[in-house]
Amino acid sequence: MIENQHPTISIRRQCELIGLNRSTFYTEPGGETALNLQLMRLIDEQYLRTPFYGYPKMTAELRRQGYVINRKRVARLMQKMDLQALFPRRNLTKAAAGHQIYPYLLRGLAITHPDQVWSTDITYIPMVNGFMYLVAIIDWYSRYVLAWQLSNTLDGSFCLDTLNQALSQAQPEIFNTDQGSQFTAHNFTGRLAEAGIRISMDGRGRALDNIFVERLWRSLKYEDIYLKHYESVPALERGLQDYFYFYNHERPHQSLGYRVPSEVYNPGCGIHQFSELTIANSWS
């Protein structure tokens, strides 16, 4: 591994040889106290089971597990993890002042082909001695993960880098995000607009608006992250590379007729042989 640096091969070349993003070599995971890291891990697991829990219910759940903590602490940790309770109703909370909010375009829309709708989201990734944030872009029709990237902060630059990585491969008709500051930033929406891509945004706290990315996070964490207990960022990145390859090329999905996402995303693999997807209106 690169910890033992080669005397003549550059860091850039060493990263290329092992398939590691060069920025990750210099990245340290985010830090917190050991107790807070444990609480964040428990919050993350509980949130996947009950995404409608806000910090009051999350506090009550942690207290039932024997932790003597107050709501203020749980609220701070959930904010640091970029978690908010999901609600089956319209929530009129606004994003940061000055940012344009776009309508949600997917309700009742029949999803009939790849590159019709892409979506993105950020999730918290627990590690043994810290944490990272992960962003991914997914094609709704095929569930294919087009691009992803890690960061130790919620700065929007890693989301824009991931978007550019995905757009270098293909382009969707509609791109759906939540109203987070990373996705309402002018640099991000401007990149979509200049490519002629229609922008769709979830309502705040809307449980079903970004459901396929939420399912991806659940699969990733229960099938990999919680089992592997990654200790370093390079190990985490290698693990994610392996998992996303498995997810795209080897893991069958019942909703895809037990095919894998790459078979459905690839136009040469009989993509129209199962029924179209229609986004439900029941939560309007």
C-alpha atoms as a PDB file:
ATOM      1  CA  MET A   1       0.000   0.000   0.000  1.00  0.00           C
ATOM      2  CA  ILE A   2       1.064   3.650  -0.423  1.00  0.00           C
ATOM      3  CA  GLU A   3       2.001   4.017   3.255  1.00  0.00           C
ATOM      4  CA  ASN A   4       5.392   2.691   2.069  1.00  0.00           C
ATOM      5  CA  GLN A   5       6.018   5.267  -0.639  1.00  0.00           C
ATOM      6  CA  HIS A   6       8.097   4.209  -3.626  1.00  0.00           C
ATOM      7  CA  PRO A   7      11.314   6.283  -3.955  1.00  0.00           C
ATOM      8  CA  THR A   8      10.917   6.906  -7.708  1.00  0.00           C
ATOM      9  CA  ILE A   9       7.203   6.531  -8.516  1.00  0.00           C
ATOM     10  CA  SER A  10       5.076   9.612  -7.856  1.00  0.00           C
ATOM     11  CA  ILE A  11       2.078   9.579  -5.529  1.00  0.00           C
ATOM     12  CA  ARG A  12      -0.143  10.292  -8.558  1.00  0.00           C
ATOM     13  CA  ARG A  13       1.200   7.238 -10.416  1.00  0.00           C
ATOM     14  CA  GLN A  14       0.984   4.989  -7.344  1.00  0.00           C
ATOM     15  CA  CYS A  15      -2.668   5.969  -6.908  1.00  0.00           C
ATOM     16  CA  GLU A  16      -3.341   5.261 -10.593  1.00  0.00           C
ATOM     17  CA  LEU A  17      -1.730   1.820 -10.326  1.00  0.00           C
ATOM     18  CA  ILE A  18      -3.983   0.734  -7.453  1.00  0.00           C
ATOM     19  CA  GLY A  19      -7.090   2.551  -8.721  1.00  0.00           C
ATOM     20  CA  LEU A  20      -7.184   5.046  -5.842  1.00  0.00           C
ATOM     21  CA  ASN A  21      -8.503   8.589  -6.149  1.00  0.00           C
ATOM     22  CA  ARG A  22      -5.411  10.711  -5.508  1.00  0.00           C
ATOM     23  CA  SER A  23      -7.330  13.168  -3.312  1.00  0.00           C
ATOM     24  CA  THR A  24      -8.227  10.286  -0.991  1.00  0.00           C
ATOM     25  CA  PHE A  25      -4.571   9.642  -0.235  1.00  0.00           C
ATOM     26  CA  TYR A  26      -4.403  12.976   1.532  1.00  0.00           C
ATOM     27  CA  THR A  27      -7.818  12.707   3.199  1.00  0.00           C
ATOM     28  CA  GLU A  28      -8.293  12.024   6.901  1.00  0.00           C
ATOM     29  CA  PRO A  29     -11.697  10.897   8.155  1.00  0.00           C
ATOM     30  CA  GLY A  30     -13.822  13.321  10.128  1.00  0.00           C
ATOM     31  CA  GLY A  31     -13.264  13.112  13.868  1.00  0.00           C
ATOM     32  CA  GLU A  32     -15.403  12.974  17.011  1.00  0.00           C
ATOM     33  CA  THR A  33     -15.048  11.527  20.483  1.00  0.00           C
ATOM     34  CA  ALA A  34     -15.272   7.743  20.784  1.00  0.00           C
ATOM     35  CA  LEU A  35     -18.690   8.020  22.436  1.00  0.00           C
ATOM     36  CA  ASN A  36     -20.033  10.346  19.769  1.00  0.00           C
ATOM     37  CA  LEU A  37     -18.755   8.033  17.019  1.00  0.00           C
ATOM     38  CA  GLN A  38     -20.576   5.158  18.703  1.00  0.00           C
ATOM     39  CA  LEU A  39     -23.758   7.235  18.976  1.00  0.00           C
ATOM     40  CA  MET A  40     -23.477   8.296  15.327  1.00  0.00           C
ATOM     41  CA  ARG A  41     -23.145   4.679  14.259  1.00  0.00           C
ATOM     42  CA  LEU A  42     -26.269   3.761  16.247  1.00  0.00           C
ATOM     43  CA  ILE A  43     -28.150   6.763  14.867  1.00  0.00           C
ATOM     44  CA  ASP A  44     -27.174   5.767  11.338  1.00  0.00           C
ATOM     45  CA  GLU A  45     -28.419   2.199  11.820  1.00  0.00           C
ATOM     46  CA  GLN A  46     -31.652   3.361  13.440  1.00  0.00           C
ATOM     47  CA  TYR A  47     -32.240   5.949  10.709  1.00  0.00           C
ATOM     48  CA  LEU A  48     -32.123   3.246   8.035  1.00  0.00           C
ATOM     49  CA  ARG A  49     -34.852   1.370   9.937  1.00  0.00           C
ATOM     50  CA  THR A  50     -36.938   4.418  10.888  1.00  0.00           C
ATOM     51  CA  PRO A  51     -36.108   7.405   8.653  1.00  0.00           C
ATOM     52  CA  PHE A  52     -39.116   9.241  10.067  1.00  0.00           C
ATOM     53  CA  TYR A  53     -37.392   9.610  13.458  1.00  0.00           C
ATOM     54  CA  GLY A  54     -36.376  13.165  14.251  1.00  0.00           C
ATOM     55  CA  TYR A  55     -33.993  13.969  17.087  1.00  0.00           C
ATOM     56  CA  PRO A  56     -36.635  13.665  19.885  1.00  0.00           C
ATOM     57  CA  LYS A  57     -37.535  10.072  18.963  1.00  0.00           C
ATOM     58  CA  MET A  58     -33.902   9.263  18.193  1.00  0.00           C
ATOM     59  CA  THR A  59     -32.947  10.538  21.656  1.00  0.00           C
ATOM     60  CA  ALA A  60     -35.639   8.398  23.252  1.00  0.00           C
ATOM     61  CA  GLU A  61     -34.415   5.323  21.365  1.00  0.00           C
ATOM     62  CA  LEU A  62     -30.804   5.857  22.461  1.00  0.00           C
ATOM     63  CA  ARG A  63     -31.936   6.361  26.062  1.00  0.00           C
ATOM     64  CA  ARG A  64     -33.787   3.038  25.872  1.00  0.00           C
ATOM     65  CA  GLN A  65     -30.457   1.495  24.923  1.00  0.00           C
ATOM     66  CA  GLY A  66     -28.902   2.892  28.103  1.00  0.00           C
ATOM     67  CA  TYR A  67     -27.225   6.088  26.879  1.00  0.00           C
ATOM     68  CA  VAL A  68     -27.603   9.122  29.136  1.00  0.00           C
ATOM     69  CA  ILE A  69     -27.817  11.895  26.551  1.00  0.00           C
ATOM     70  CA  ASN A  70     -29.923  14.954  25.842  1.00  0.00           C
ATOM     71  CA  ARG A  71     -31.775  16.056  22.732  1.00  0.00           C
ATOM     72  CA  LYS A  72     -29.314  18.852  21.995  1.00  0.00           C
ATOM     73  CA  ARG A  73     -26.487  16.369  21.570  1.00  0.00           C
ATOM     74  CA  VAL A  74     -28.494  14.077  19.319  1.00  0.00           C
ATOM     75  CA  ALA A  75     -29.678  17.019  17.237  1.00  0.00           C
ATOM     76  CA  ARG A  76     -26.076  18.182  16.744  1.00  0.00           C
ATOM     77  CA  LEU A  77     -24.914  14.718  15.721  1.00  0.00           C
ATOM     78  CA  MET A  78     -27.801  14.245  13.296  1.00  0.00           C
ATOM     79  CA  GLN A  79     -27.045  17.628  11.782  1.00  0.00           C
ATOM     80  CA  LYS A  80     -23.398  16.649  11.417  1.00  0.00           C
ATOM     81  CA  MET A  81     -24.501  13.429   9.723  1.00  0.00           C
ATOM     82  CA  ASP A  82     -26.783  15.436   7.408  1.00  0.00           C
ATOM     83  CA  LEU A  83     -29.861  13.520   8.577  1.00  0.00           C
ATOM     84  CA  GLN A  84     -33.390  14.864   8.846  1.00  0.00           C
ATOM     85  CA  ALA A  85     -36.630  13.075   9.551  1.00  0.00           C
ATOM     86  CA  LEU A  86     -38.658  12.101   6.481  1.00  0.00           C
ATOM     87  CA  PHE A  87     -42.356  12.895   6.404  1.00  0.00           C
ATOM     88  CA  PRO A  88     -45.179  11.740   4.090  1.00  0.00           C
ATOM     89  CA  ARG A  89     -46.420  15.309   3.696  1.00  0.00           C
ATOM     90  CA  ARG A  90     -45.388  18.572   2.141  1.00  0.00           C
ATOM     91  CA  ASN A  91     -42.852  20.530   4.163  1.00  0.00           C
ATOM     92  CA  LEU A  92     -42.273  24.142   3.184  1.00  0.00           C
ATOM     93  CA  THR A  93     -38.849  24.569   4.758  1.00  0.00           C
ATOM     94  CA  LYS A  94     -36.660  26.651   2.466  1.00  0.00           C
ATOM     95  CA  ALA A  95     -33.083  26.047   1.403  1.00  0.00           C
ATOM     96  CA  ALA A  96     -30.483  28.730   2.017  1.00  0.00           C
ATOM     97  CA  ALA A  97     -31.530  32.230   0.992  1.00  0.00           C
ATOM     98  CA  GLY A  98     -30.720  33.130  -2.578  1.00  0.00           C
ATOM     99  CA  HIS A  99     -30.926  29.606  -3.973  1.00  0.00           C
ATOM    100  CA  GLN A 100     -33.584  28.762  -6.540  1.00  0.00           C
ATOM    101  CA  ILE A 101     -35.827  25.838  -5.641  1.00  0.00           C
ATOM    102  CA  TYR A 102     -37.001  23.728  -8.548  1.00  0.00           C
ATOM    103  CA  PRO A 103     -40.276  21.742  -8.692  1.00  0.00           C
ATOM    104  CA  TYR A 104     -40.436  17.981  -8.188  1.00  0.00           C
ATOM    105  CA  LEU A 105     -40.955  16.576 -11.688  1.00  0.00           C
ATOM    106  CA  LEU A 106     -41.192  12.833 -11.059  1.00  0.00           C
ATOM    107  CA  ARG A 107     -44.591  12.336  -9.424  1.00  0.00           C
ATOM    108  CA  GLY A 108     -46.706  10.176 -11.725  1.00  0.00           C
ATOM    109  CA  LEU A 109     -43.931  10.051 -14.343  1.00  0.00           C
ATOM    110  CA  ALA A 110     -43.467   6.739 -16.173  1.00  0.00           C
ATOM    111  CA  ILE A 111     -39.773   5.805 -16.116  1.00  0.00           C
ATOM    112  CA  THR A 112     -39.297   3.886 -19.364  1.00  0.00           C
ATOM    113  CA  HIS A 113     -35.609   3.984 -20.334  1.00  0.00           C
ATOM    114  CA  PRO A 114     -32.066   4.541 -19.058  1.00  0.00           C
ATOM    115  CA  ASP A 115     -30.773   8.111 -18.771  1.00  0.00           C
ATOM    116  CA  GLN A 116     -34.310   9.431 -18.413  1.00  0.00           C
ATOM    117  CA  VAL A 117     -33.857  10.282 -14.725  1.00  0.00           C
ATOM    118  CA  TRP A 118     -30.721  10.419 -12.606  1.00  0.00           C
ATOM    119  CA  SER A 119     -30.706  11.117  -8.894  1.00  0.00           C
ATOM    120  CA  THR A 120     -28.118  11.869  -6.231  1.00  0.00           C
ATOM    121  CA  ASP A 121     -27.773  12.019  -2.465  1.00  0.00           C
ATOM    122  CA  ILE A 122     -25.164  12.137   0.309  1.00  0.00           C
ATOM    123  CA  THR A 123     -24.868   9.625   3.132  1.00  0.00           C
ATOM    124  CA  TYR A 124     -22.796   9.320   6.298  1.00  0.00           C
ATOM    125  CA  ILE A 125     -20.274   6.458   6.314  1.00  0.00           C
ATOM    126  CA  PRO A 126     -19.126   5.271   9.775  1.00  0.00           C
ATOM    127  CA  MET A 127     -15.543   4.077  10.232  1.00  0.00           C
ATOM    128  CA  VAL A 128     -13.678   2.596  13.191  1.00  0.00           C
ATOM    129  CA  ASN A 129     -11.982   5.883  14.099  1.00  0.00           C
ATOM    130  CA  GLY A 130     -14.000   8.507  12.279  1.00  0.00           C
ATOM    131  CA  PHE A 131     -16.434   8.976   9.438  1.00  0.00           C
ATOM    132  CA  MET A 132     -16.712  10.107   5.835  1.00  0.00           C
ATOM    133  CA  TYR A 133     -19.459  11.345   3.557  1.00  0.00           C
ATOM    134  CA  LEU A 134     -20.354   9.553   0.326  1.00  0.00           C
ATOM    135  CA  VAL A 135     -22.184  10.983  -2.674  1.00  0.00           C
ATOM    136  CA  ALA A 136     -23.469   8.809  -5.518  1.00  0.00           C
ATOM    137  CA  ILE A 137     -25.415   9.327  -8.731  1.00  0.00           C
ATOM    138  CA  ILE A 138     -27.838   6.588  -9.793  1.00  0.00           C
ATOM    139  CA  ASP A 139     -29.907   5.961 -12.921  1.00  0.00           C
ATOM    140  CA  TRP A 140     -33.503   5.412 -11.810  1.00  0.00           C
ATOM    141  CA  TYR A 141     -34.555   2.995 -14.543  1.00  0.00           C
ATOM    142  CA  SER A 142     -31.659   0.551 -14.161  1.00  0.00           C
ATOM    143  CA  ARG A 143     -30.479   1.378 -10.595  1.00  0.00           C
ATOM    144  CA  TYR A 144     -26.993   1.667 -12.126  1.00  0.00           C
ATOM    145  CA  VAL A 145     -24.505   3.711 -10.069  1.00  0.00           C
ATOM    146  CA  LEU A 146     -22.851   6.074 -12.545  1.00  0.00           C
ATOM    147  CA  ALA A 147     -20.398   7.873 -10.253  1.00  0.00           C
ATOM    148  CA  TRP A 148     -19.504   8.278  -6.580  1.00  0.00           C
ATOM    149  CA  GLN A 149     -16.964  10.052  -4.403  1.00  0.00           C
ATOM    150  CA  LEU A 150     -15.917  10.342  -0.752  1.00  0.00           C
ATOM    151  CA  SER A 151     -15.281  13.487   1.266  1.00  0.00           C
ATOM    152  CA  ASN A 152     -14.530  14.305   4.885  1.00  0.00           C
ATOM    153  CA  THR A 153     -16.636  17.480   4.711  1.00  0.00           C
ATOM    154  CA  LEU A 154     -20.026  18.437   3.317  1.00  0.00           C
ATOM    155  CA  ASP A 155     -18.455  21.013   1.016  1.00  0.00           C
ATOM    156  CA  GLY A 156     -20.259  20.910  -2.313  1.00  0.00           C
ATOM    157  CA  SER A 157     -17.146  20.554  -4.459  1.00  0.00           C
ATOM    158  CA  PHE A 158     -17.096  16.758  -4.210  1.00  0.00           C
ATOM    159  CA  CYS A 159     -20.710  16.634  -5.403  1.00  0.00           C
ATOM    160  CA  LEU A 160     -19.857  18.786  -8.429  1.00  0.00           C
ATOM    161  CA  ASP A 161     -16.833  16.604  -9.197  1.00  0.00           C
ATOM    162  CA  THR A 162     -19.072  13.517  -9.083  1.00  0.00           C
ATOM    163  CA  LEU A 163     -21.607  15.172 -11.378  1.00  0.00           C
ATOM    164  CA  ASN A 164     -18.887  15.987 -13.903  1.00  0.00           C
ATOM    165  CA  GLN A 165     -17.644  12.402 -13.700  1.00  0.00           C
ATOM    166  CA  ALA A 166     -21.127  11.076 -14.483  1.00  0.00           C
ATOM    167  CA  LEU A 167     -21.752  13.579 -17.292  1.00  0.00           C
ATOM    168  CA  SER A 168     -18.519  12.526 -18.960  1.00  0.00           C
ATOM    169  CA  GLN A 169     -20.220   9.141 -19.587  1.00  0.00           C
ATOM    170  CA  ALA A 170     -23.783  10.092 -20.511  1.00  0.00           C
ATOM    171  CA  GLN A 171     -26.511  12.670 -19.850  1.00  0.00           C
ATOM    172  CA  PRO A 172     -30.009  12.365 -18.338  1.00  0.00           C
ATOM    173  CA  GLU A 173     -33.171  14.153 -19.358  1.00  0.00           C
ATOM    174  CA  ILE A 174     -34.005  14.955 -15.699  1.00  0.00           C
ATOM    175  CA  PHE A 175     -31.723  15.187 -12.673  1.00  0.00           C
ATOM    176  CA  ASN A 176     -33.361  14.865  -9.239  1.00  0.00           C
ATOM    177  CA  THR A 177     -31.853  16.004  -5.923  1.00  0.00           C
ATOM    178  CA  ASP A 178     -32.961  17.064  -2.485  1.00  0.00           C
ATOM    179  CA  GLN A 179     -32.816  20.701  -1.388  1.00  0.00           C
ATOM    180  CA  GLY A 180     -29.439  20.420   0.328  1.00  0.00           C
ATOM    181  CA  SER A 181     -27.059  23.331  -0.068  1.00  0.00           C
ATOM    182  CA  GLN A 182     -24.651  21.182  -2.115  1.00  0.00           C
ATOM    183  CA  PHE A 183     -27.323  20.652  -4.789  1.00  0.00           C
ATOM    184  CA  THR A 184     -29.019  24.065  -4.741  1.00  0.00           C
ATOM    185  CA  ALA A 185     -25.668  25.829  -5.153  1.00  0.00           C
ATOM    186  CA  HIS A 186     -25.363  27.787  -8.396  1.00  0.00           C
ATOM    187  CA  ASN A 187     -22.279  25.827  -9.494  1.00  0.00           C
ATOM    188  CA  PHE A 188     -24.241  22.569  -9.334  1.00  0.00           C
ATOM    189  CA  THR A 189     -27.542  23.714 -10.843  1.00  0.00           C
ATOM    190  CA  GLY A 190     -25.658  25.821 -13.389  1.00  0.00           C
ATOM    191  CA  ARG A 191     -23.732  22.776 -14.592  1.00  0.00           C
ATOM    192  CA  LEU A 192     -27.033  20.949 -15.163  1.00  0.00           C
ATOM    193  CA  ALA A 193     -28.631  23.948 -16.849  1.00  0.00           C
ATOM    194  CA  GLU A 194     -25.764  24.490 -19.255  1.00  0.00           C
ATOM    195  CA  ALA A 195     -26.089  20.847 -20.324  1.00  0.00           C
ATOM    196  CA  GLY A 196     -29.809  21.340 -21.007  1.00  0.00           C
ATOM    197  CA  ILE A 197     -30.871  18.949 -18.216  1.00  0.00           C
ATOM    198  CA  ARG A 198     -34.194  19.534 -16.461  1.00  0.00           C
ATOM    199  CA  ILE A 199     -33.778  19.940 -12.701  1.00  0.00           C
ATOM    200  CA  SER A 200     -36.129  18.276 -10.216  1.00  0.00           C
ATOM    201  CA  MET A 201     -35.960  18.734  -6.440  1.00  0.00           C
ATOM    202  CA  ASP A 202     -37.592  16.803  -3.607  1.00  0.00           C
ATOM    203  CA  GLY A 203     -39.856  18.549  -1.173  1.00  0.00           C
ATOM    204  CA  ARG A 204     -38.149  18.871   2.213  1.00  0.00           C
ATOM    205  CA  GLY A 205     -38.773  15.738   4.277  1.00  0.00           C
ATOM    206  CA  ARG A 206     -40.468  13.868   1.419  1.00  0.00           C
ATOM    207  CA  ALA A 207     -40.032  10.174   2.145  1.00  0.00           C
ATOM    208  CA  LEU A 208     -40.550   8.773  -1.361  1.00  0.00           C
ATOM    209  CA  ASP A 209     -39.028  11.451  -3.580  1.00  0.00           C
ATOM    210  CA  ASN A 210     -35.537   9.931  -3.660  1.00  0.00           C
ATOM    211  CA  ILE A 211     -36.385   6.359  -2.765  1.00  0.00           C
ATOM    212  CA  PHE A 212     -33.938   4.542  -5.051  1.00  0.00           C
ATOM    213  CA  VAL A 213     -30.903   6.288  -3.589  1.00  0.00           C
ATOM    214  CA  GLU A 214     -32.209   5.540  -0.100  1.00  0.00           C
ATOM    215  CA  ARG A 215     -32.470   1.858  -1.042  1.00  0.00           C
ATOM    216  CA  LEU A 216     -28.916   1.967  -2.392  1.00  0.00           C
ATOM    217  CA  TRP A 217     -27.639   3.333   0.929  1.00  0.00           C
ATOM    218  CA  ARG A 218     -29.453   0.607   2.853  1.00  0.00           C
ATOM    219  CA  SER A 219     -28.000  -2.130   0.654  1.00  0.00           C
ATOM    220  CA  LEU A 220     -24.499  -0.680   0.811  1.00  0.00           C
ATOM    221  CA  LYS A 221     -24.443  -0.320   4.571  1.00  0.00           C
ATOM    222  CA  TYR A 222     -25.976  -3.678   5.495  1.00  0.00           C
ATOM    223  CA  GLU A 223     -24.097  -5.639   2.830  1.00  0.00           C
ATOM    224  CA  ASP A 224     -20.707  -3.953   3.211  1.00  0.00           C
ATOM    225  CA  ILE A 225     -20.091  -0.986   5.545  1.00  0.00           C
ATOM    226  CA  TYR A 226     -21.465  -2.474   8.766  1.00  0.00           C
ATOM    227  CA  LEU A 227     -19.747  -5.801   8.071  1.00  0.00           C
ATOM    228  CA  LYS A 228     -16.287  -4.536   7.130  1.00  0.00           C
ATOM    229  CA  HIS A 229     -15.569  -1.935   9.871  1.00  0.00           C
ATOM    230  CA  TYR A 230     -13.169   0.079   7.706  1.00  0.00           C
ATOM    231  CA  GLU A 231     -10.221   1.585   9.568  1.00  0.00           C
ATOM    232  CA  SER A 232      -8.687   3.859   6.894  1.00  0.00           C
ATOM    233  CA  VAL A 233      -9.928   5.985   4.025  1.00  0.00           C
ATOM    234  CA  PRO A 234      -7.920   4.098   1.362  1.00  0.00           C
ATOM    235  CA  ALA A 235      -9.364   0.802   2.647  1.00  0.00           C
ATOM    236  CA  LEU A 236     -12.858   2.306   2.557  1.00  0.00           C
ATOM    237  CA  GLU A 237     -12.381   3.545  -0.992  1.00  0.00           C
ATOM    238  CA  ARG A 238     -11.128   0.158  -2.176  1.00  0.00           C
ATOM    239  CA  GLY A 239     -14.092  -1.487  -0.434  1.00  0.00           C
ATOM    240  CA  LEU A 240     -16.524   0.882  -2.129  1.00  0.00           C
ATOM    241  CA  GLN A 241     -14.936   0.237  -5.507  1.00  0.00           C
ATOM    242  CA  ASP A 242     -15.456  -3.483  -4.977  1.00  0.00           C
ATOM    243  CA  TYR A 243     -19.006  -3.068  -3.685  1.00  0.00           C
ATOM    244  CA  PHE A 244     -20.196  -0.768  -6.477  1.00  0.00           C
ATOM    245  CA  TYR A 245     -18.731  -3.128  -9.067  1.00  0.00           C
ATOM    246  CA  PHE A 246     -20.625  -5.975  -7.389  1.00  0.00           C
ATOM    247  CA  TYR A 247     -23.788  -3.840  -7.175  1.00  0.00           C
ATOM    248  CA  ASN A 248     -23.651  -2.790 -10.839  1.00  0.00           C
ATOM    249  CA  HIS A 249     -22.459  -6.017 -12.449  1.00  0.00           C
ATOM    250  CA  GLU A 250     -23.235  -8.978 -10.177  1.00  0.00           C
ATOM    251  CA  ARG A 251     -26.077  -8.211  -7.760  1.00  0.00           C
ATOM    252  CA  PRO A 252     -29.501  -9.133  -9.252  1.00  0.00           C
ATOM    253  CA  HIS A 253     -32.532  -6.979  -8.433  1.00  0.00           C
ATOM    254  CA  GLN A 254     -36.001  -8.467  -8.166  1.00  0.00           C
ATOM    255  CA  SER A 255     -37.484  -5.233  -9.552  1.00  0.00           C
ATOM    256  CA  LEU A 256     -35.280  -5.646 -12.652  1.00  0.00           C
ATOM    257  CA  GLY A 257     -36.479  -9.169 -13.353  1.00  0.00           C
ATOM    258  CA  TYR A 258     -33.481 -10.521 -11.442  1.00  0.00           C
ATOM    259  CA  ARG A 259     -31.075  -8.869 -13.811  1.00  0.00           C
ATOM    260  CA  VAL A 260     -28.153  -6.736 -12.721  1.00  0.00           C
ATOM    261  CA  PRO A 261     -28.113  -2.939 -13.241  1.00  0.00           C
ATOM    262  CA  SER A 262     -25.414  -2.996 -15.919  1.00  0.00           C
ATOM    263  CA  GLU A 263     -27.514  -5.358 -18.063  1.00  0.00           C
ATOM    264  CA  VAL A 264     -30.467  -3.000 -17.843  1.00  0.00           C
ATOM    265  CA  TYR A 265     -28.486   0.215 -18.273  1.00  0.00           C
ATOM    266  CA  ASN A 266     -26.641  -1.123 -21.319  1.00  0.00           C
ATOM    267  CA  PRO A 267     -28.833  -0.519 -24.409  1.00  0.00           C
ATOM    268  CA  GLY A 268     -27.751  -3.847 -25.906  1.00  0.00           C
ATOM    269  CA  CYS A 269     -29.137  -6.036 -23.131  1.00  0.00           C
ATOM    270  CA  GLY A 270     -32.899  -6.109 -23.768  1.00  0.00           C
ATOM    271  CA  ILE A 271     -33.809  -3.271 -21.443  1.00  0.00           C
ATOM    272  CA  HIS A 272     -37.490  -3.061 -22.387  1.00  0.00           C
ATOM    273  CA  GLN A 273     -38.408  -6.617 -21.484  1.00  0.00           C
ATOM    274  CA  PHE A 274     -39.930  -5.765 -18.109  1.00  0.00           C
ATOM    275  CA  SER A 275     -42.609  -3.332 -17.069  1.00  0.00           C
ATOM    276  CA  GLU A 276     -42.036   0.378 -16.788  1.00  0.00           C
ATOM    277  CA  LEU A 277     -41.781   2.157 -13.468  1.00  0.00           C
ATOM    278  CA  THR A 278     -44.278   4.845 -12.541  1.00  0.00           C
ATOM    279  CA  ILE A 279     -43.648   7.169  -9.609  1.00  0.00           C
ATOM    280  CA  ALA A 280     -46.656   7.009  -7.291  1.00  0.00           C
ATOM    281  CA  ASN A 281     -48.963   9.946  -6.612  1.00  0.00           C
ATOM    282  CA  SER A 282     -50.095   8.636  -3.238  1.00  0.00           C
ATOM    283  CA  TRP A 283     -47.873  10.980  -1.197  1.00  0.00           C
ATOM    284  CA  SER A 284     -48.929  14.202  -2.933  1.00  0.00           C
END
